[in-house]
């Protein structure tokens, strides 16, 4: 069986008490902290930036799962340093060469990933074979926390896993992002997803404490 990982979206945290949340997330076994960087161009929202990533690195030694939803990832990446064990993902929809960026990210001892929007076919990854370690399947239209899952999108996990395996990319991990509840996570784990971005649907659930939601989520993805 392949390992599975929880990557919790800090965008869904109580940002005024983020330090306490980070401690609780670690205590209950979260693997990565997911940081959404948005530029109000590639997506309509504007969120965290390089200074926030620097502050996160100073606050915790947990690996960061950095998701760049920006039009110029090279510019953003030039403003902070990655730390060994981090993962940096950019969007395949940028339709450009990622060779240099992938090389620089991997040289830091980090994973390089490509994110795929709901309407983008998995085949869009083909020009970049050999450059990425993870594929993030967006299950919602990116930009805002709490967005509604696109109908039928979970089946894309099976399509992606089969496509990756047929191209010899057995070690590339699939991450799923957007409205991932424990129940949906269990279904997608059975189809080959390994990294689960937990937000308002799975980890920060209304009326429940992190001490309750994290173990429940972990159990759902343990095959």
N, C-alpha and C. Protein backbone atom coordinates (compact mmCIF):
# COMPACT_ATOMS: atom_id res chain seq x y z
N UNK A 1 0.83 -1.19 0.00
CA UNK A 1 0.00 0.00 0.00
C UNK A 1 0.87 1.25 0.00
N UNK A 2 0.45 2.26 -0.73
CA UNK A 2 1.19 3.51 -0.77
C UNK A 2 0.79 4.38 0.41
N UNK A 3 1.73 5.20 0.87
CA UNK A 3 1.45 6.10 1.98
C UNK A 3 0.46 7.18 1.56
N UNK A 4 -0.30 7.67 2.53
CA UNK A 4 -1.21 8.78 2.30
C UNK A 4 -0.87 9.90 3.27
N UNK A 5 -1.19 11.14 2.86
CA UNK A 5 -0.75 12.32 3.61
C UNK A 5 -1.88 13.33 3.73
N UNK A 6 -1.91 14.01 4.86
CA UNK A 6 -2.84 15.12 5.09
C UNK A 6 -2.07 16.42 4.97
N UNK A 7 -2.56 17.30 4.11
CA UNK A 7 -1.97 18.63 3.93
C UNK A 7 -3.06 19.66 4.25
N UNK A 8 -2.94 20.30 5.39
CA UNK A 8 -4.03 21.16 5.87
C UNK A 8 -3.86 22.59 5.35
N UNK A 9 -4.94 23.12 4.80
CA UNK A 9 -4.93 24.47 4.25
C UNK A 9 -4.98 25.51 5.36
N UNK A 10 -3.89 26.25 5.52
CA UNK A 10 -3.87 27.26 6.58
C UNK A 10 -4.77 28.44 6.25
N UNK A 11 -5.20 28.58 4.99
CA UNK A 11 -6.13 29.63 4.62
C UNK A 11 -7.45 29.49 5.38
N UNK A 12 -7.74 28.26 5.81
CA UNK A 12 -9.00 27.99 6.51
C UNK A 12 -8.86 28.12 8.02
N UNK A 13 -7.66 28.39 8.49
CA UNK A 13 -7.42 28.53 9.93
C UNK A 13 -7.96 29.87 10.44
N UNK A 14 -8.00 29.98 11.75
CA UNK A 14 -8.21 31.26 12.40
C UNK A 14 -6.86 31.98 12.36
N UNK A 15 -6.69 32.89 11.42
CA UNK A 15 -5.38 33.48 11.18
C UNK A 15 -4.88 34.30 12.36
N UNK A 16 -5.79 34.77 13.22
CA UNK A 16 -5.37 35.50 14.40
C UNK A 16 -4.81 34.55 15.48
N UNK A 17 -5.04 33.26 15.29
CA UNK A 17 -4.52 32.27 16.23
C UNK A 17 -3.79 31.15 15.49
N UNK A 18 -3.13 31.51 14.40
CA UNK A 18 -2.52 30.51 13.54
C UNK A 18 -1.42 29.73 14.26
N UNK A 19 -0.65 30.40 15.10
CA UNK A 19 0.41 29.71 15.81
C UNK A 19 -0.12 28.56 16.65
N UNK A 20 -1.22 28.79 17.35
CA UNK A 20 -1.82 27.73 18.17
C UNK A 20 -2.36 26.62 17.29
N UNK A 21 -2.94 26.98 16.15
CA UNK A 21 -3.44 25.98 15.21
C UNK A 21 -2.31 25.09 14.70
N UNK A 22 -1.18 25.72 14.36
CA UNK A 22 -0.03 24.96 13.86
C UNK A 22 0.41 23.93 14.88
N UNK A 23 0.45 24.32 16.15
CA UNK A 23 0.85 23.39 17.20
C UNK A 23 -0.14 22.22 17.31
N UNK A 24 -1.43 22.53 17.21
CA UNK A 24 -2.46 21.48 17.31
C UNK A 24 -2.41 20.55 16.11
N UNK A 25 -2.22 21.12 14.92
CA UNK A 25 -2.14 20.30 13.71
C UNK A 25 -0.98 19.32 13.81
N UNK A 26 0.13 19.80 14.30
CA UNK A 26 1.30 18.92 14.45
C UNK A 26 1.04 17.84 15.49
N UNK A 27 0.45 18.24 16.59
CA UNK A 27 0.19 17.30 17.69
C UNK A 27 -0.65 16.12 17.23
N UNK A 28 -1.60 16.39 16.35
CA UNK A 28 -2.51 15.33 15.92
C UNK A 28 -2.12 14.71 14.57
N UNK A 29 -0.88 14.96 14.13
CA UNK A 29 -0.32 14.15 13.07
C UNK A 29 -0.52 14.62 11.65
N UNK A 30 -0.80 15.91 11.45
CA UNK A 30 -0.89 16.43 10.09
C UNK A 30 0.51 16.39 9.46
N UNK A 31 0.58 16.02 8.19
CA UNK A 31 1.87 15.84 7.53
C UNK A 31 2.45 17.13 6.97
N UNK A 32 1.64 17.89 6.27
CA UNK A 32 2.10 19.13 5.63
C UNK A 32 1.14 20.26 5.93
N UNK A 33 1.65 21.49 5.81
CA UNK A 33 0.81 22.69 5.92
C UNK A 33 0.70 23.28 4.52
N UNK A 34 -0.53 23.39 4.06
CA UNK A 34 -0.80 23.81 2.69
C UNK A 34 -0.98 25.34 2.64
N UNK A 35 -0.16 25.99 1.83
CA UNK A 35 -0.18 27.45 1.74
C UNK A 35 -0.58 27.86 0.32
N UNK A 36 -1.73 28.51 0.22
CA UNK A 36 -2.22 28.99 -1.08
C UNK A 36 -1.72 30.41 -1.33
N UNK A 37 -0.97 30.57 -2.41
CA UNK A 37 -0.45 31.89 -2.80
C UNK A 37 -1.21 32.32 -4.06
N UNK A 38 -1.98 33.40 -3.95
CA UNK A 38 -2.79 33.88 -5.06
C UNK A 38 -2.44 35.33 -5.37
N UNK A 39 -2.53 35.71 -6.65
CA UNK A 39 -2.04 37.03 -7.06
C UNK A 39 -3.12 37.97 -7.59
N UNK A 40 -4.41 37.53 -7.52
CA UNK A 40 -5.53 38.34 -8.04
C UNK A 40 -5.47 38.52 -9.56
N UNK A 41 -4.65 37.70 -10.23
CA UNK A 41 -4.58 37.71 -11.69
C UNK A 41 -4.91 36.32 -12.23
N UNK A 42 -4.13 35.35 -11.81
CA UNK A 42 -4.41 33.97 -12.26
C UNK A 42 -5.74 33.50 -11.69
N UNK A 43 -6.01 33.88 -10.46
CA UNK A 43 -7.31 33.66 -9.81
C UNK A 43 -7.76 35.00 -9.24
N UNK A 44 -9.06 35.16 -8.97
CA UNK A 44 -9.54 36.48 -8.55
C UNK A 44 -9.15 36.88 -7.14
N UNK A 45 -8.77 35.94 -6.31
CA UNK A 45 -8.49 36.26 -4.91
C UNK A 45 -7.02 36.66 -4.72
N UNK A 46 -6.75 37.28 -3.58
CA UNK A 46 -5.39 37.69 -3.20
C UNK A 46 -5.15 37.18 -1.79
N UNK A 47 -4.13 36.31 -1.64
CA UNK A 47 -3.92 35.71 -0.32
C UNK A 47 -2.47 35.89 0.13
N UNK A 48 -1.86 34.81 0.56
CA UNK A 48 -0.54 34.87 1.16
C UNK A 48 0.54 35.14 0.12
N UNK A 49 1.68 35.66 0.61
CA UNK A 49 2.80 35.96 -0.26
C UNK A 49 4.11 35.45 0.33
N UNK A 50 5.23 35.84 -0.28
CA UNK A 50 6.54 35.36 0.18
C UNK A 50 6.83 35.63 1.65
N UNK A 51 6.43 36.79 2.17
CA UNK A 51 6.71 37.09 3.57
C UNK A 51 5.99 36.13 4.51
N UNK A 52 4.79 35.71 4.11
CA UNK A 52 4.05 34.74 4.92
C UNK A 52 4.78 33.40 4.94
N UNK A 53 5.30 32.99 3.80
CA UNK A 53 6.05 31.73 3.73
C UNK A 53 7.29 31.81 4.62
N UNK A 54 7.99 32.93 4.58
CA UNK A 54 9.15 33.11 5.45
C UNK A 54 8.74 33.00 6.92
N UNK A 55 7.62 33.60 7.27
CA UNK A 55 7.13 33.55 8.66
C UNK A 55 6.75 32.13 9.05
N UNK A 56 6.16 31.39 8.13
CA UNK A 56 5.81 29.99 8.40
C UNK A 56 7.07 29.16 8.64
N UNK A 57 8.09 29.37 7.83
CA UNK A 57 9.34 28.65 8.01
C UNK A 57 9.98 28.97 9.37
N UNK A 58 9.82 30.21 9.80
CA UNK A 58 10.39 30.61 11.09
C UNK A 58 9.60 30.03 12.25
N UNK A 59 8.30 29.80 12.03
CA UNK A 59 7.42 29.36 13.12
C UNK A 59 7.42 27.84 13.31
N UNK A 60 7.60 27.08 12.21
CA UNK A 60 7.49 25.63 12.29
C UNK A 60 8.49 24.96 11.36
N UNK A 61 8.90 23.77 11.73
CA UNK A 61 9.77 23.00 10.84
C UNK A 61 8.99 21.96 10.05
N UNK A 62 7.67 22.01 10.14
CA UNK A 62 6.85 21.11 9.32
C UNK A 62 6.98 21.49 7.85
N UNK A 63 6.96 20.50 6.96
CA UNK A 63 7.05 20.81 5.52
C UNK A 63 5.84 21.64 5.06
N UNK A 64 6.11 22.56 4.15
CA UNK A 64 5.04 23.35 3.55
C UNK A 64 4.69 22.80 2.18
N UNK A 65 3.42 22.79 1.89
CA UNK A 65 2.88 22.38 0.59
C UNK A 65 2.38 23.66 -0.07
N UNK A 66 3.25 24.29 -0.86
CA UNK A 66 3.00 25.65 -1.37
C UNK A 66 2.35 25.57 -2.75
N UNK A 67 1.17 26.10 -2.86
CA UNK A 67 0.39 26.05 -4.10
C UNK A 67 0.34 27.46 -4.70
N UNK A 68 1.09 27.67 -5.79
CA UNK A 68 1.13 28.98 -6.42
C UNK A 68 0.04 29.09 -7.47
N UNK A 69 -0.92 29.96 -7.22
CA UNK A 69 -1.95 30.29 -8.20
C UNK A 69 -1.65 31.70 -8.70
N UNK A 70 -0.56 31.79 -9.46
CA UNK A 70 -0.02 33.08 -9.89
C UNK A 70 0.40 32.99 -11.35
N UNK A 71 0.49 34.13 -11.99
CA UNK A 71 0.88 34.17 -13.40
C UNK A 71 2.39 34.16 -13.60
N UNK A 72 3.15 34.52 -12.55
CA UNK A 72 4.60 34.59 -12.67
C UNK A 72 5.25 33.85 -11.50
N UNK A 73 5.26 32.52 -11.53
CA UNK A 73 5.79 31.77 -10.39
C UNK A 73 7.28 32.01 -10.15
N UNK A 74 8.04 32.26 -11.20
CA UNK A 74 9.47 32.51 -11.03
C UNK A 74 9.71 33.77 -10.20
N UNK A 75 8.94 34.81 -10.45
CA UNK A 75 9.06 36.04 -9.68
C UNK A 75 8.73 35.81 -8.22
N UNK A 76 7.63 35.11 -7.96
CA UNK A 76 7.23 34.84 -6.59
C UNK A 76 8.30 34.01 -5.88
N UNK A 77 8.80 32.99 -6.56
CA UNK A 77 9.79 32.10 -5.94
C UNK A 77 11.12 32.79 -5.66
N UNK A 78 11.40 33.86 -6.39
CA UNK A 78 12.65 34.58 -6.16
C UNK A 78 12.63 35.37 -4.86
N UNK A 79 11.45 35.49 -4.23
CA UNK A 79 11.30 36.32 -3.03
C UNK A 79 11.37 35.52 -1.73
N UNK A 80 11.52 34.20 -1.81
CA UNK A 80 11.66 33.41 -0.60
C UNK A 80 12.47 32.16 -0.90
N UNK A 81 12.93 31.50 0.16
CA UNK A 81 13.71 30.28 0.01
C UNK A 81 12.88 29.07 0.42
N UNK A 82 12.96 28.04 -0.39
CA UNK A 82 12.33 26.78 -0.04
C UNK A 82 13.18 26.06 0.99
N UNK A 83 12.56 25.18 1.73
CA UNK A 83 13.27 24.39 2.73
C UNK A 83 13.13 22.91 2.37
N UNK A 84 14.16 22.15 2.61
CA UNK A 84 14.13 20.73 2.27
C UNK A 84 12.88 20.06 2.83
N UNK A 85 12.20 19.32 1.98
CA UNK A 85 10.98 18.65 2.39
C UNK A 85 9.72 19.36 1.95
N UNK A 86 9.83 20.64 1.55
CA UNK A 86 8.68 21.37 1.05
C UNK A 86 8.26 20.84 -0.31
N UNK A 87 7.06 21.21 -0.71
CA UNK A 87 6.57 20.93 -2.06
C UNK A 87 6.07 22.23 -2.66
N UNK A 88 6.44 22.50 -3.90
CA UNK A 88 5.98 23.70 -4.60
C UNK A 88 5.24 23.28 -5.85
N UNK A 89 4.00 23.75 -5.99
CA UNK A 89 3.19 23.41 -7.16
C UNK A 89 2.78 24.67 -7.91
N UNK A 90 2.82 24.58 -9.24
CA UNK A 90 2.35 25.66 -10.11
C UNK A 90 1.34 25.07 -11.08
N UNK A 91 0.65 25.93 -11.79
CA UNK A 91 -0.44 25.45 -12.64
C UNK A 91 0.00 25.16 -14.06
N UNK A 92 -0.41 23.98 -14.52
CA UNK A 92 -0.08 23.57 -15.89
C UNK A 92 -0.73 24.50 -16.91
N UNK A 93 -1.80 25.19 -16.52
CA UNK A 93 -2.49 26.10 -17.44
C UNK A 93 -1.65 27.30 -17.84
N UNK A 94 -0.54 27.54 -17.16
CA UNK A 94 0.33 28.65 -17.55
C UNK A 94 0.95 28.41 -18.92
N UNK A 95 0.93 27.16 -19.38
CA UNK A 95 1.35 26.81 -20.75
C UNK A 95 2.73 27.36 -21.07
N UNK A 96 3.70 26.90 -20.31
CA UNK A 96 5.08 27.34 -20.49
C UNK A 96 6.02 26.20 -20.10
N UNK A 97 7.28 26.39 -20.30
CA UNK A 97 8.26 25.40 -19.87
C UNK A 97 8.51 25.54 -18.37
N UNK A 98 8.49 24.42 -17.69
CA UNK A 98 8.75 24.42 -16.25
C UNK A 98 10.10 23.79 -15.92
N UNK A 99 10.92 23.57 -16.94
CA UNK A 99 12.16 22.82 -16.74
C UNK A 99 13.08 23.50 -15.74
N UNK A 100 13.31 24.78 -15.91
CA UNK A 100 14.24 25.49 -15.02
C UNK A 100 13.69 25.58 -13.60
N UNK A 101 12.40 25.88 -13.48
CA UNK A 101 11.78 25.99 -12.16
C UNK A 101 11.81 24.65 -11.45
N UNK A 102 11.48 23.57 -12.18
CA UNK A 102 11.52 22.24 -11.59
C UNK A 102 12.93 21.90 -11.11
N UNK A 103 13.92 22.22 -11.90
CA UNK A 103 15.30 21.92 -11.54
C UNK A 103 15.71 22.65 -10.25
N UNK A 104 15.34 23.92 -10.17
CA UNK A 104 15.74 24.72 -9.00
C UNK A 104 15.02 24.25 -7.74
N UNK A 105 13.75 23.86 -7.87
CA UNK A 105 12.98 23.37 -6.72
C UNK A 105 13.55 22.05 -6.22
N UNK A 106 13.80 21.14 -7.14
CA UNK A 106 14.33 19.83 -6.76
C UNK A 106 15.74 19.94 -6.18
N UNK A 107 16.50 20.92 -6.63
CA UNK A 107 17.86 21.12 -6.12
C UNK A 107 17.85 21.48 -4.64
N UNK A 108 16.72 21.99 -4.15
CA UNK A 108 16.58 22.35 -2.73
C UNK A 108 16.15 21.16 -1.88
N UNK A 109 15.99 20.00 -2.50
CA UNK A 109 15.51 18.84 -1.77
C UNK A 109 14.00 18.86 -1.59
N UNK A 110 13.32 19.52 -2.55
CA UNK A 110 11.87 19.67 -2.48
C UNK A 110 11.21 18.94 -3.64
N UNK A 111 9.91 18.74 -3.51
CA UNK A 111 9.12 18.19 -4.61
C UNK A 111 8.62 19.34 -5.49
N UNK A 112 8.52 19.05 -6.79
CA UNK A 112 7.92 20.01 -7.72
C UNK A 112 6.62 19.39 -8.24
N UNK A 113 5.56 20.18 -8.19
CA UNK A 113 4.26 19.66 -8.61
C UNK A 113 3.59 20.53 -9.65
N UNK A 114 2.68 19.91 -10.38
CA UNK A 114 1.83 20.64 -11.32
C UNK A 114 0.38 20.48 -10.89
N UNK A 115 -0.34 21.60 -10.85
CA UNK A 115 -1.76 21.60 -10.51
C UNK A 115 -2.59 21.70 -11.78
N UNK A 116 -3.75 21.04 -11.75
CA UNK A 116 -4.60 20.93 -12.93
C UNK A 116 -6.01 21.39 -12.55
N UNK A 117 -6.51 22.40 -13.21
CA UNK A 117 -7.86 22.90 -12.96
C UNK A 117 -8.92 21.89 -13.41
N UNK A 118 -10.15 22.00 -12.89
CA UNK A 118 -11.18 21.00 -13.21
C UNK A 118 -11.41 20.79 -14.71
N UNK A 119 -11.37 21.87 -15.48
CA UNK A 119 -11.69 21.76 -16.91
C UNK A 119 -10.49 21.34 -17.76
N UNK A 120 -9.32 21.25 -17.16
CA UNK A 120 -8.09 20.91 -17.89
C UNK A 120 -7.91 19.39 -17.93
N UNK A 121 -7.72 18.80 -19.10
CA UNK A 121 -7.51 17.35 -19.17
C UNK A 121 -6.15 16.95 -18.63
N UNK A 122 -6.07 15.75 -18.13
CA UNK A 122 -4.82 15.22 -17.59
C UNK A 122 -3.74 15.21 -18.67
N UNK A 123 -4.14 15.04 -19.91
CA UNK A 123 -3.20 14.98 -21.02
C UNK A 123 -2.35 16.25 -21.12
N UNK A 124 -2.80 17.35 -20.52
CA UNK A 124 -2.03 18.60 -20.55
C UNK A 124 -0.69 18.45 -19.84
N UNK A 125 -0.53 17.40 -19.05
CA UNK A 125 0.73 17.16 -18.34
C UNK A 125 1.82 16.59 -19.26
N UNK A 126 1.43 16.05 -20.40
CA UNK A 126 2.37 15.31 -21.24
C UNK A 126 3.66 16.07 -21.58
N UNK A 127 3.60 17.35 -21.98
CA UNK A 127 4.85 18.03 -22.33
C UNK A 127 5.84 18.16 -21.16
N UNK A 128 5.36 17.89 -19.96
CA UNK A 128 6.19 18.12 -18.77
C UNK A 128 6.58 16.82 -18.06
N UNK A 129 6.40 15.69 -18.72
CA UNK A 129 6.77 14.40 -18.13
C UNK A 129 8.25 14.43 -17.74
N UNK A 130 8.50 13.96 -16.54
CA UNK A 130 9.87 13.94 -16.02
C UNK A 130 10.21 15.12 -15.15
N UNK A 131 9.32 16.14 -15.14
CA UNK A 131 9.62 17.36 -14.38
C UNK A 131 8.88 17.43 -13.04
N UNK A 132 7.82 16.65 -12.87
CA UNK A 132 6.98 16.82 -11.68
C UNK A 132 6.95 15.56 -10.83
N UNK A 133 6.80 15.80 -9.52
CA UNK A 133 6.74 14.72 -8.53
C UNK A 133 5.33 14.52 -8.00
N UNK A 134 4.50 15.54 -8.11
CA UNK A 134 3.11 15.46 -7.67
C UNK A 134 2.21 16.10 -8.73
N UNK A 135 0.96 15.66 -8.74
CA UNK A 135 -0.07 16.27 -9.57
C UNK A 135 -1.23 16.63 -8.65
N UNK A 136 -1.58 17.90 -8.60
CA UNK A 136 -2.71 18.34 -7.79
C UNK A 136 -3.94 18.50 -8.67
N UNK A 137 -4.95 17.69 -8.39
CA UNK A 137 -6.21 17.80 -9.12
C UNK A 137 -7.13 18.75 -8.35
N UNK A 138 -7.44 19.88 -8.97
CA UNK A 138 -8.38 20.82 -8.37
C UNK A 138 -9.79 20.28 -8.55
N UNK A 139 -10.49 20.12 -7.45
CA UNK A 139 -11.85 19.59 -7.47
C UNK A 139 -12.88 20.70 -7.47
N UNK A 140 -12.40 21.92 -7.30
CA UNK A 140 -13.24 23.13 -7.32
C UNK A 140 -12.56 24.13 -8.24
N UNK A 141 -13.31 25.15 -8.63
CA UNK A 141 -12.67 26.24 -9.37
C UNK A 141 -11.87 27.06 -8.36
N UNK A 142 -10.57 27.19 -8.56
CA UNK A 142 -9.69 27.74 -7.52
C UNK A 142 -9.91 29.22 -7.27
N UNK A 143 -9.59 29.61 -6.03
CA UNK A 143 -9.63 31.03 -5.68
C UNK A 143 -10.18 31.31 -4.30
N UNK A 144 -11.13 30.47 -3.84
CA UNK A 144 -11.76 30.76 -2.56
C UNK A 144 -11.96 29.49 -1.75
N UNK A 145 -11.80 29.62 -0.43
CA UNK A 145 -12.07 28.50 0.46
C UNK A 145 -13.58 28.24 0.50
N UNK A 146 -13.94 26.97 0.66
CA UNK A 146 -15.35 26.62 0.79
C UNK A 146 -16.10 26.53 -0.52
N UNK A 147 -15.42 26.53 -1.65
CA UNK A 147 -16.08 26.44 -2.95
C UNK A 147 -16.73 25.08 -3.12
N UNK A 148 -17.74 25.03 -3.96
CA UNK A 148 -18.49 23.80 -4.20
C UNK A 148 -17.73 22.89 -5.16
N UNK A 149 -17.71 21.60 -4.84
CA UNK A 149 -17.01 20.63 -5.69
C UNK A 149 -17.71 20.53 -7.04
N UNK A 150 -16.91 20.46 -8.10
CA UNK A 150 -17.45 20.28 -9.45
C UNK A 150 -18.04 18.88 -9.56
N UNK A 151 -19.24 18.80 -10.10
CA UNK A 151 -19.93 17.52 -10.18
C UNK A 151 -19.16 16.51 -11.03
N UNK A 152 -18.98 15.31 -10.49
CA UNK A 152 -18.32 14.23 -11.21
C UNK A 152 -16.81 14.30 -11.24
N UNK A 153 -16.23 15.31 -10.61
CA UNK A 153 -14.79 15.55 -10.75
C UNK A 153 -13.94 14.49 -10.03
N UNK A 154 -14.48 13.83 -9.01
CA UNK A 154 -13.67 12.86 -8.28
C UNK A 154 -13.20 11.71 -9.17
N UNK A 155 -13.98 11.38 -10.19
CA UNK A 155 -13.58 10.30 -11.09
C UNK A 155 -12.31 10.63 -11.87
N UNK A 156 -11.93 11.90 -11.89
CA UNK A 156 -10.70 12.31 -12.56
C UNK A 156 -9.48 11.72 -11.87
N UNK A 157 -9.61 11.36 -10.60
CA UNK A 157 -8.49 10.74 -9.87
C UNK A 157 -8.12 9.42 -10.53
N UNK A 158 -9.11 8.60 -10.85
CA UNK A 158 -8.86 7.32 -11.51
C UNK A 158 -8.22 7.53 -12.88
N UNK A 159 -8.75 8.51 -13.63
CA UNK A 159 -8.21 8.82 -14.95
C UNK A 159 -6.74 9.23 -14.84
N UNK A 160 -6.45 10.09 -13.86
CA UNK A 160 -5.09 10.58 -13.67
C UNK A 160 -4.14 9.46 -13.27
N UNK A 161 -4.59 8.61 -12.34
CA UNK A 161 -3.72 7.51 -11.89
C UNK A 161 -3.40 6.55 -13.04
N UNK A 162 -4.39 6.25 -13.84
CA UNK A 162 -4.17 5.36 -14.99
C UNK A 162 -3.25 6.02 -16.01
N UNK A 163 -3.43 7.32 -16.23
CA UNK A 163 -2.59 8.02 -17.20
C UNK A 163 -1.14 8.06 -16.71
N UNK A 164 -0.94 8.36 -15.46
CA UNK A 164 0.41 8.41 -14.90
C UNK A 164 1.08 7.04 -15.00
N UNK A 165 0.37 6.01 -14.59
CA UNK A 165 0.95 4.67 -14.60
C UNK A 165 1.26 4.21 -16.03
N UNK A 166 0.39 4.56 -16.97
CA UNK A 166 0.62 4.15 -18.36
C UNK A 166 1.83 4.86 -18.96
N UNK A 167 2.24 5.97 -18.35
CA UNK A 167 3.41 6.70 -18.82
C UNK A 167 4.64 6.44 -17.94
N UNK A 168 4.56 5.41 -17.12
CA UNK A 168 5.69 5.03 -16.28
C UNK A 168 5.92 5.91 -15.07
N UNK A 169 4.92 6.73 -14.71
CA UNK A 169 5.07 7.69 -13.62
C UNK A 169 4.43 7.13 -12.34
N UNK A 170 4.85 5.93 -11.98
CA UNK A 170 4.23 5.23 -10.84
C UNK A 170 4.50 5.93 -9.51
N UNK A 171 5.61 6.65 -9.42
CA UNK A 171 5.98 7.30 -8.15
C UNK A 171 5.41 8.71 -8.01
N UNK A 172 4.80 9.23 -9.06
CA UNK A 172 4.19 10.56 -8.97
C UNK A 172 2.92 10.46 -8.13
N UNK A 173 2.83 11.30 -7.10
CA UNK A 173 1.69 11.25 -6.20
C UNK A 173 0.58 12.20 -6.65
N UNK A 174 -0.65 11.77 -6.49
CA UNK A 174 -1.81 12.60 -6.80
C UNK A 174 -2.30 13.28 -5.53
N UNK A 175 -2.43 14.59 -5.60
CA UNK A 175 -3.00 15.38 -4.51
C UNK A 175 -4.39 15.85 -4.96
N UNK A 176 -5.34 15.89 -4.03
CA UNK A 176 -6.68 16.38 -4.35
C UNK A 176 -6.98 17.58 -3.46
N UNK A 177 -7.56 18.61 -4.08
CA UNK A 177 -7.70 19.90 -3.40
C UNK A 177 -9.07 20.50 -3.71
N UNK A 178 -9.86 20.71 -2.65
CA UNK A 178 -11.13 21.41 -2.82
C UNK A 178 -12.32 20.59 -2.35
N UNK A 179 -12.93 21.00 -1.25
CA UNK A 179 -14.12 20.35 -0.71
C UNK A 179 -13.90 18.86 -0.42
N UNK A 180 -12.74 18.57 0.16
CA UNK A 180 -12.38 17.18 0.44
C UNK A 180 -12.84 16.81 1.85
N UNK A 181 -13.99 16.17 1.94
CA UNK A 181 -14.48 15.66 3.22
C UNK A 181 -13.84 14.31 3.48
N UNK A 182 -14.02 13.80 4.69
CA UNK A 182 -13.47 12.49 5.03
C UNK A 182 -14.06 11.40 4.14
N UNK A 183 -15.35 11.51 3.87
CA UNK A 183 -16.02 10.50 3.05
C UNK A 183 -15.51 10.55 1.60
N UNK A 184 -15.37 11.74 1.06
CA UNK A 184 -14.86 11.88 -0.30
C UNK A 184 -13.39 11.46 -0.38
N UNK A 185 -12.65 11.75 0.68
CA UNK A 185 -11.24 11.36 0.71
C UNK A 185 -11.09 9.85 0.65
N UNK A 186 -11.94 9.15 1.36
CA UNK A 186 -11.89 7.69 1.35
C UNK A 186 -12.12 7.16 -0.06
N UNK A 187 -13.08 7.72 -0.76
CA UNK A 187 -13.38 7.29 -2.13
C UNK A 187 -12.20 7.56 -3.05
N UNK A 188 -11.60 8.74 -2.93
CA UNK A 188 -10.49 9.09 -3.81
C UNK A 188 -9.22 8.33 -3.46
N UNK A 189 -9.04 7.99 -2.18
CA UNK A 189 -7.90 7.16 -1.80
C UNK A 189 -7.99 5.80 -2.48
N UNK A 190 -9.20 5.27 -2.60
CA UNK A 190 -9.37 3.96 -3.24
C UNK A 190 -9.04 4.01 -4.72
N UNK A 191 -9.04 5.21 -5.31
CA UNK A 191 -8.73 5.37 -6.73
C UNK A 191 -7.28 5.78 -6.97
N UNK A 192 -6.53 6.00 -5.89
CA UNK A 192 -5.11 6.28 -6.06
C UNK A 192 -4.63 7.62 -5.59
N UNK A 193 -5.49 8.47 -5.02
CA UNK A 193 -5.01 9.73 -4.45
C UNK A 193 -4.19 9.44 -3.20
N UNK A 194 -3.14 10.24 -2.98
CA UNK A 194 -2.27 10.02 -1.81
C UNK A 194 -2.15 11.25 -0.91
N UNK A 195 -2.35 12.44 -1.46
CA UNK A 195 -2.23 13.67 -0.68
C UNK A 195 -3.61 14.34 -0.66
N UNK A 196 -4.07 14.68 0.53
CA UNK A 196 -5.42 15.21 0.68
C UNK A 196 -5.35 16.58 1.36
N UNK A 197 -5.75 17.61 0.62
CA UNK A 197 -5.75 18.96 1.16
C UNK A 197 -7.01 19.15 1.97
N UNK A 198 -6.83 19.32 3.26
CA UNK A 198 -7.96 19.44 4.16
C UNK A 198 -8.29 20.88 4.47
N UNK A 199 -9.54 21.26 4.23
CA UNK A 199 -9.99 22.62 4.51
C UNK A 199 -11.26 22.61 5.33
N UNK A 200 -12.23 23.41 4.91
CA UNK A 200 -13.47 23.53 5.67
C UNK A 200 -14.33 22.28 5.62
N UNK A 201 -14.19 21.46 4.58
CA UNK A 201 -15.02 20.27 4.46
C UNK A 201 -14.49 19.09 5.27
N UNK A 202 -13.17 19.07 5.51
CA UNK A 202 -12.60 17.89 6.15
C UNK A 202 -11.93 18.11 7.48
N UNK A 203 -11.31 19.28 7.68
CA UNK A 203 -10.53 19.53 8.89
C UNK A 203 -11.16 20.64 9.73
N UNK A 204 -11.43 21.77 9.13
CA UNK A 204 -12.01 22.89 9.88
C UNK A 204 -13.53 22.85 9.75
N UNK A 205 -14.11 21.81 10.33
CA UNK A 205 -15.56 21.61 10.23
C UNK A 205 -16.28 22.36 11.34
N UNK A 206 -17.35 23.02 10.95
CA UNK A 206 -18.10 23.83 11.91
C UNK A 206 -18.63 22.96 13.05
N UNK A 207 -18.40 23.43 14.27
CA UNK A 207 -18.90 22.72 15.44
C UNK A 207 -18.02 21.57 15.90
N UNK A 208 -16.86 21.37 15.24
CA UNK A 208 -15.97 20.27 15.62
C UNK A 208 -14.58 20.82 15.87
N UNK A 209 -13.86 20.18 16.77
CA UNK A 209 -12.50 20.58 17.09
C UNK A 209 -11.51 19.81 16.22
N UNK A 210 -10.32 20.41 16.05
CA UNK A 210 -9.28 19.74 15.29
C UNK A 210 -8.92 18.39 15.91
N UNK A 211 -9.04 18.30 17.21
CA UNK A 211 -8.75 17.05 17.91
C UNK A 211 -9.69 15.92 17.48
N UNK A 212 -10.87 16.31 16.94
CA UNK A 212 -11.83 15.33 16.46
C UNK A 212 -11.68 15.08 14.95
N UNK A 213 -11.53 16.15 14.20
CA UNK A 213 -11.57 16.01 12.74
C UNK A 213 -10.32 15.36 12.16
N UNK A 214 -9.16 15.64 12.74
CA UNK A 214 -7.93 15.10 12.16
C UNK A 214 -7.88 13.57 12.27
N UNK A 215 -8.14 12.97 13.44
CA UNK A 215 -8.14 11.51 13.50
C UNK A 215 -9.19 10.88 12.58
N UNK A 216 -10.35 11.51 12.48
CA UNK A 216 -11.40 10.98 11.59
C UNK A 216 -10.95 11.02 10.14
N UNK A 217 -10.32 12.11 9.76
CA UNK A 217 -9.82 12.26 8.39
C UNK A 217 -8.72 11.24 8.13
N UNK A 218 -7.81 11.10 9.08
CA UNK A 218 -6.71 10.14 8.92
C UNK A 218 -7.25 8.72 8.72
N UNK A 219 -8.22 8.35 9.50
CA UNK A 219 -8.80 7.01 9.39
C UNK A 219 -9.40 6.79 8.01
N UNK A 220 -10.00 7.83 7.44
CA UNK A 220 -10.68 7.69 6.14
C UNK A 220 -9.70 7.43 5.00
N UNK A 221 -8.45 7.87 5.14
CA UNK A 221 -7.48 7.72 4.04
C UNK A 221 -6.47 6.61 4.30
N UNK A 222 -6.66 5.88 5.40
CA UNK A 222 -5.76 4.78 5.73
C UNK A 222 -6.34 3.50 5.12
N UNK A 223 -5.70 3.03 4.08
CA UNK A 223 -6.23 1.87 3.34
C UNK A 223 -5.75 0.55 3.94
